[in-house]
Amino acid sequence: MVAHLHEAAPGAGHAHPAEASVTGADIIATFEVTQWRIDTATEGSREVMTAHGTRALRDAVVRATRLR
C-alpha cells in the first residue's frame, strides 16, 4: 500500500483534508496482526516536476503478506 503524506504547499491555494494523509503507522494499524505480517514499512521523500516547478512529495509505503 502506498500513501502520500500531505503537507501545506506554498502557493498551492488549498490544503488537503487531514483524512487524506496517513503515516506508515496509520497504515499498519489497519491490518489485523493475527492475519497479516508486515514485511516493509518506510516513509520517504522525492521530488517531482509539475507545471508549477519542482515539488517535494512524502510517501508512506507498507508491504504486508496475508498469513494462512
Foldseek 3Di string as FASTA:
>chain_A
DKAWAFDDDVPPPDGDDPVRHDALVRVVVVDDVVFKDWPDWDKDKDWDQDPVGIDIIIMIDIDMDTDD
